[in-house]
Amino acid sequence: MTPNPGNDCSLNIRNSASTGGKIVGHLSSCNRGAWCWYQKSDCGASVKGGTYTCKYADGSSGLRSNEWARVADKNGKLAYVARWCGFAQRL
């Protein structure tokens, strides 16, 4: 999952699917991202969790959602990112 430009290429990696979850990593580039836990083109099925708001890739009005993507943190443990504040890329 790579952060989208609308959010200034910034995306937090959390230990739970909630904005209250502990931040276990941070992405600050639209060129690099976190590995999807499930190696699928869309990062696999979403997890329903806490609600968040993020901007669209063009920086326009915020999108509100409660869908989180499963990713691996820097230690290879299961973590979560706000699904619609980033996008999955196939490498």
N, C-alpha and C. Protein backbone atom coordinates (compact mmCIF):
# COMPACT_ATOMS: atom_id res chain seq x y z
N MET A 1 0.85 -1.17 0.00
CA MET A 1 0.00 0.00 0.00
C MET A 1 0.89 1.23 0.00
N THR A 2 0.63 2.10 -0.95
CA THR A 2 1.40 3.33 -1.10
C THR A 2 0.50 4.52 -0.76
N PRO A 3 0.98 5.50 0.00
CA PRO A 3 0.16 6.67 0.32
C PRO A 3 -0.26 7.41 -0.95
N ASN A 4 -1.41 8.06 -0.90
CA ASN A 4 -1.82 8.84 -2.07
C ASN A 4 -1.38 10.30 -1.91
N PRO A 5 -1.19 11.00 -3.03
CA PRO A 5 -0.71 12.39 -3.01
C PRO A 5 -1.63 13.35 -2.27
N GLY A 6 -2.93 13.07 -2.25
CA GLY A 6 -3.87 13.96 -1.57
C GLY A 6 -3.57 14.10 -0.09
N ASN A 7 -2.99 13.08 0.49
CA ASN A 7 -2.63 13.11 1.91
C ASN A 7 -1.15 13.44 2.10
N ASP A 8 -0.61 14.21 1.17
CA ASP A 8 0.80 14.62 1.22
C ASP A 8 1.73 13.41 1.29
N CYS A 9 1.33 12.32 0.62
CA CYS A 9 2.13 11.09 0.56
C CYS A 9 2.47 10.58 1.97
N SER A 10 1.51 10.69 2.86
CA SER A 10 1.71 10.31 4.26
C SER A 10 0.67 9.28 4.67
N LEU A 11 1.10 8.22 5.35
CA LEU A 11 0.19 7.17 5.77
C LEU A 11 0.76 6.46 7.00
N ASN A 12 -0.05 6.35 8.04
CA ASN A 12 0.39 5.67 9.25
C ASN A 12 0.10 4.18 9.17
N ILE A 13 1.01 3.40 9.71
CA ILE A 13 0.83 1.96 9.85
C ILE A 13 0.51 1.72 11.33
N ARG A 14 -0.61 1.04 11.60
CA ARG A 14 -1.08 0.88 12.98
C ARG A 14 -1.18 -0.59 13.37
N ASN A 15 -1.16 -0.84 14.67
CA ASN A 15 -1.23 -2.23 15.16
C ASN A 15 -2.66 -2.75 15.22
N SER A 16 -3.64 -1.89 14.97
CA SER A 16 -5.04 -2.32 14.92
C SER A 16 -5.77 -1.49 13.87
N ALA A 17 -6.95 -1.95 13.49
CA ALA A 17 -7.73 -1.28 12.45
C ALA A 17 -8.54 -0.14 13.05
N SER A 18 -7.83 0.84 13.58
CA SER A 18 -8.46 1.98 14.24
C SER A 18 -7.49 3.15 14.30
N THR A 19 -8.02 4.37 14.21
CA THR A 19 -7.16 5.54 14.33
C THR A 19 -6.59 5.65 15.74
N GLY A 20 -7.16 4.93 16.68
CA GLY A 20 -6.63 4.90 18.04
C GLY A 20 -5.56 3.85 18.24
N GLY A 21 -5.33 3.02 17.22
CA GLY A 21 -4.31 1.98 17.32
C GLY A 21 -2.91 2.59 17.36
N LYS A 22 -2.01 1.92 18.03
CA LYS A 22 -0.63 2.40 18.15
C LYS A 22 0.02 2.48 16.77
N ILE A 23 0.70 3.59 16.50
CA ILE A 23 1.42 3.75 15.24
C ILE A 23 2.71 2.95 15.34
N VAL A 24 2.87 1.98 14.44
CA VAL A 24 4.06 1.12 14.43
C VAL A 24 4.96 1.40 13.23
N GLY A 25 4.57 2.37 12.43
CA GLY A 25 5.35 2.76 11.28
C GLY A 25 4.68 3.93 10.58
N HIS A 26 5.42 4.59 9.71
CA HIS A 26 4.88 5.73 8.98
C HIS A 26 5.48 5.74 7.59
N LEU A 27 4.63 5.94 6.60
CA LEU A 27 5.07 6.06 5.21
C LEU A 27 5.03 7.53 4.84
N SER A 28 6.07 8.03 4.21
CA SER A 28 6.13 9.46 3.88
C SER A 28 6.59 9.69 2.44
N SER A 29 6.27 8.74 1.57
CA SER A 29 6.64 8.86 0.17
C SER A 29 5.57 8.20 -0.70
N CYS A 30 5.23 8.84 -1.79
CA CYS A 30 4.27 8.23 -2.73
C CYS A 30 4.96 7.22 -3.63
N ASN A 31 6.27 7.03 -3.45
CA ASN A 31 7.02 6.09 -4.27
C ASN A 31 7.29 4.77 -3.56
N ARG A 32 7.06 4.72 -2.25
CA ARG A 32 7.33 3.50 -1.49
C ARG A 32 6.15 3.22 -0.57
N GLY A 33 5.92 1.95 -0.31
CA GLY A 33 4.79 1.59 0.52
C GLY A 33 5.08 0.40 1.40
N ALA A 34 4.03 -0.10 2.03
CA ALA A 34 4.12 -1.27 2.89
C ALA A 34 3.65 -2.49 2.10
N TRP A 35 4.26 -3.64 2.37
CA TRP A 35 3.85 -4.88 1.71
C TRP A 35 2.47 -5.30 2.20
N CYS A 36 1.61 -5.65 1.27
CA CYS A 36 0.30 -6.18 1.63
C CYS A 36 0.49 -7.53 2.31
N TRP A 37 -0.27 -7.76 3.36
CA TRP A 37 -0.21 -9.03 4.07
C TRP A 37 -0.59 -10.17 3.14
N TYR A 38 -1.64 -9.94 2.35
CA TYR A 38 -2.05 -10.90 1.33
C TYR A 38 -1.59 -10.35 -0.01
N GLN A 39 -0.71 -11.05 -0.67
CA GLN A 39 -0.12 -10.57 -1.92
C GLN A 39 -1.11 -10.70 -3.07
N LYS A 40 -2.09 -9.82 -3.08
CA LYS A 40 -3.09 -9.74 -4.14
C LYS A 40 -3.07 -8.34 -4.70
N SER A 41 -3.56 -8.16 -5.92
CA SER A 41 -3.50 -6.86 -6.56
C SER A 41 -4.23 -5.77 -5.78
N ASP A 42 -5.25 -6.15 -5.02
CA ASP A 42 -6.01 -5.16 -4.24
C ASP A 42 -5.69 -5.24 -2.75
N CYS A 43 -4.67 -5.99 -2.38
CA CYS A 43 -4.23 -6.17 -0.99
C CYS A 43 -5.16 -7.08 -0.20
N GLY A 44 -6.09 -7.73 -0.87
CA GLY A 44 -7.00 -8.64 -0.18
C GLY A 44 -8.21 -7.94 0.42
N ALA A 45 -9.05 -8.72 1.06
CA ALA A 45 -10.29 -8.19 1.64
C ALA A 45 -9.99 -7.17 2.73
N SER A 46 -10.85 -6.16 2.81
CA SER A 46 -10.74 -5.13 3.84
C SER A 46 -11.16 -5.67 5.19
N VAL A 47 -10.70 -5.00 6.23
CA VAL A 47 -11.12 -5.25 7.60
C VAL A 47 -11.95 -4.05 8.02
N LYS A 48 -13.12 -4.27 8.60
CA LYS A 48 -13.94 -3.17 9.12
C LYS A 48 -13.38 -2.79 10.48
N GLY A 49 -13.19 -1.49 10.68
CA GLY A 49 -12.64 -1.00 11.93
C GLY A 49 -13.10 0.41 12.20
N GLY A 50 -12.23 1.18 12.83
CA GLY A 50 -12.55 2.56 13.16
C GLY A 50 -12.67 3.44 11.93
N THR A 51 -13.46 4.49 12.02
CA THR A 51 -13.70 5.40 10.91
C THR A 51 -12.57 6.42 10.80
N TYR A 52 -12.18 6.73 9.59
CA TYR A 52 -11.15 7.72 9.30
C TYR A 52 -11.59 8.56 8.12
N THR A 53 -10.91 9.68 7.90
CA THR A 53 -11.15 10.54 6.74
C THR A 53 -9.82 10.79 6.06
N CYS A 54 -9.79 10.67 4.76
CA CYS A 54 -8.58 10.99 3.99
C CYS A 54 -8.99 11.67 2.69
N LYS A 55 -8.05 12.38 2.08
CA LYS A 55 -8.32 13.10 0.84
C LYS A 55 -8.14 12.18 -0.36
N TYR A 56 -8.79 12.55 -1.45
CA TYR A 56 -8.60 11.83 -2.70
C TYR A 56 -7.20 12.13 -3.24
N ALA A 57 -6.75 11.34 -4.18
CA ALA A 57 -5.40 11.50 -4.74
C ALA A 57 -5.16 12.90 -5.31
N ASP A 58 -6.22 13.57 -5.79
CA ASP A 58 -6.05 14.92 -6.34
C ASP A 58 -6.13 16.00 -5.27
N GLY A 59 -6.26 15.60 -3.99
CA GLY A 59 -6.29 16.55 -2.89
C GLY A 59 -7.67 17.11 -2.58
N SER A 60 -8.69 16.68 -3.32
CA SER A 60 -10.04 17.20 -3.11
C SER A 60 -10.68 16.58 -1.87
N SER A 61 -11.86 17.05 -1.56
CA SER A 61 -12.59 16.71 -0.33
C SER A 61 -12.37 15.30 0.20
N GLY A 62 -12.46 15.20 1.50
CA GLY A 62 -12.16 13.95 2.19
C GLY A 62 -13.14 12.82 1.96
N LEU A 63 -12.60 11.63 2.01
CA LEU A 63 -13.37 10.40 1.91
C LEU A 63 -13.43 9.78 3.30
N ARG A 64 -14.61 9.42 3.74
CA ARG A 64 -14.78 8.84 5.07
C ARG A 64 -15.04 7.34 4.90
N SER A 65 -14.33 6.53 5.66
CA SER A 65 -14.48 5.08 5.53
C SER A 65 -14.08 4.40 6.84
N ASN A 66 -14.41 3.12 6.92
CA ASN A 66 -13.97 2.30 8.06
C ASN A 66 -13.26 1.04 7.55
N GLU A 67 -12.78 1.07 6.30
CA GLU A 67 -12.09 -0.07 5.71
C GLU A 67 -10.58 0.06 5.85
N TRP A 68 -9.96 -0.99 6.34
CA TRP A 68 -8.52 -1.02 6.58
C TRP A 68 -7.90 -2.16 5.80
N ALA A 69 -6.68 -1.95 5.31
CA ALA A 69 -5.94 -2.98 4.59
C ALA A 69 -4.91 -3.60 5.53
N ARG A 70 -4.73 -4.91 5.39
CA ARG A 70 -3.71 -5.62 6.18
C ARG A 70 -2.37 -5.50 5.48
N VAL A 71 -1.36 -5.07 6.23
CA VAL A 71 0.00 -4.95 5.71
C VAL A 71 0.97 -5.54 6.72
N ALA A 72 2.22 -5.65 6.32
CA ALA A 72 3.27 -6.10 7.23
C ALA A 72 4.03 -4.88 7.74
N ASP A 73 4.28 -4.83 9.05
CA ASP A 73 5.10 -3.74 9.57
C ASP A 73 6.57 -4.05 9.30
N LYS A 74 7.48 -3.18 9.73
CA LYS A 74 8.90 -3.37 9.42
C LYS A 74 9.49 -4.62 10.06
N ASN A 75 8.80 -5.19 11.06
CA ASN A 75 9.26 -6.42 11.71
C ASN A 75 8.55 -7.66 11.17
N GLY A 76 7.74 -7.47 10.11
CA GLY A 76 7.03 -8.58 9.51
C GLY A 76 5.78 -9.01 10.26
N LYS A 77 5.30 -8.15 11.16
CA LYS A 77 4.08 -8.47 11.91
C LYS A 77 2.87 -7.84 11.23
N LEU A 78 1.71 -8.44 11.46
CA LEU A 78 0.46 -7.93 10.90
C LEU A 78 0.17 -6.53 11.42
N ALA A 79 -0.15 -5.62 10.51
CA ALA A 79 -0.49 -4.24 10.85
C ALA A 79 -1.57 -3.77 9.88
N TYR A 80 -2.00 -2.52 10.04
CA TYR A 80 -3.12 -2.02 9.24
C TYR A 80 -2.86 -0.60 8.76
N VAL A 81 -3.38 -0.28 7.57
CA VAL A 81 -3.37 1.09 7.06
C VAL A 81 -4.78 1.44 6.60
N ALA A 82 -5.11 2.72 6.65
CA ALA A 82 -6.40 3.21 6.17
C ALA A 82 -6.46 2.94 4.67
N ARG A 83 -7.32 2.02 4.28
CA ARG A 83 -7.34 1.52 2.89
C ARG A 83 -7.47 2.60 1.84
N TRP A 84 -8.31 3.58 2.01
CA TRP A 84 -8.57 4.55 0.96
C TRP A 84 -7.68 5.78 1.07
N CYS A 85 -6.73 5.80 2.00
CA CYS A 85 -5.73 6.87 2.06
C CYS A 85 -4.48 6.47 1.29
N GLY A 86 -4.54 5.33 0.65
CA GLY A 86 -3.42 4.82 -0.14
C GLY A 86 -3.96 3.99 -1.28
N PHE A 87 -3.07 3.34 -1.99
CA PHE A 87 -3.50 2.45 -3.06
C PHE A 87 -2.53 1.30 -3.20
N ALA A 88 -3.07 0.18 -3.63
CA ALA A 88 -2.26 -1.01 -3.80
C ALA A 88 -1.59 -0.96 -5.18
N GLN A 89 -0.34 -1.34 -5.22
CA GLN A 89 0.40 -1.42 -6.48
C GLN A 89 0.88 -2.85 -6.67
N ARG A 90 0.85 -3.27 -7.88
CA ARG A 90 1.38 -4.59 -8.19
C ARG A 90 2.80 -4.44 -8.71
N LEU A 91 3.72 -5.11 -8.08
CA LEU A 91 5.13 -4.99 -8.45
C LEU A 91 5.54 -6.14 -9.35
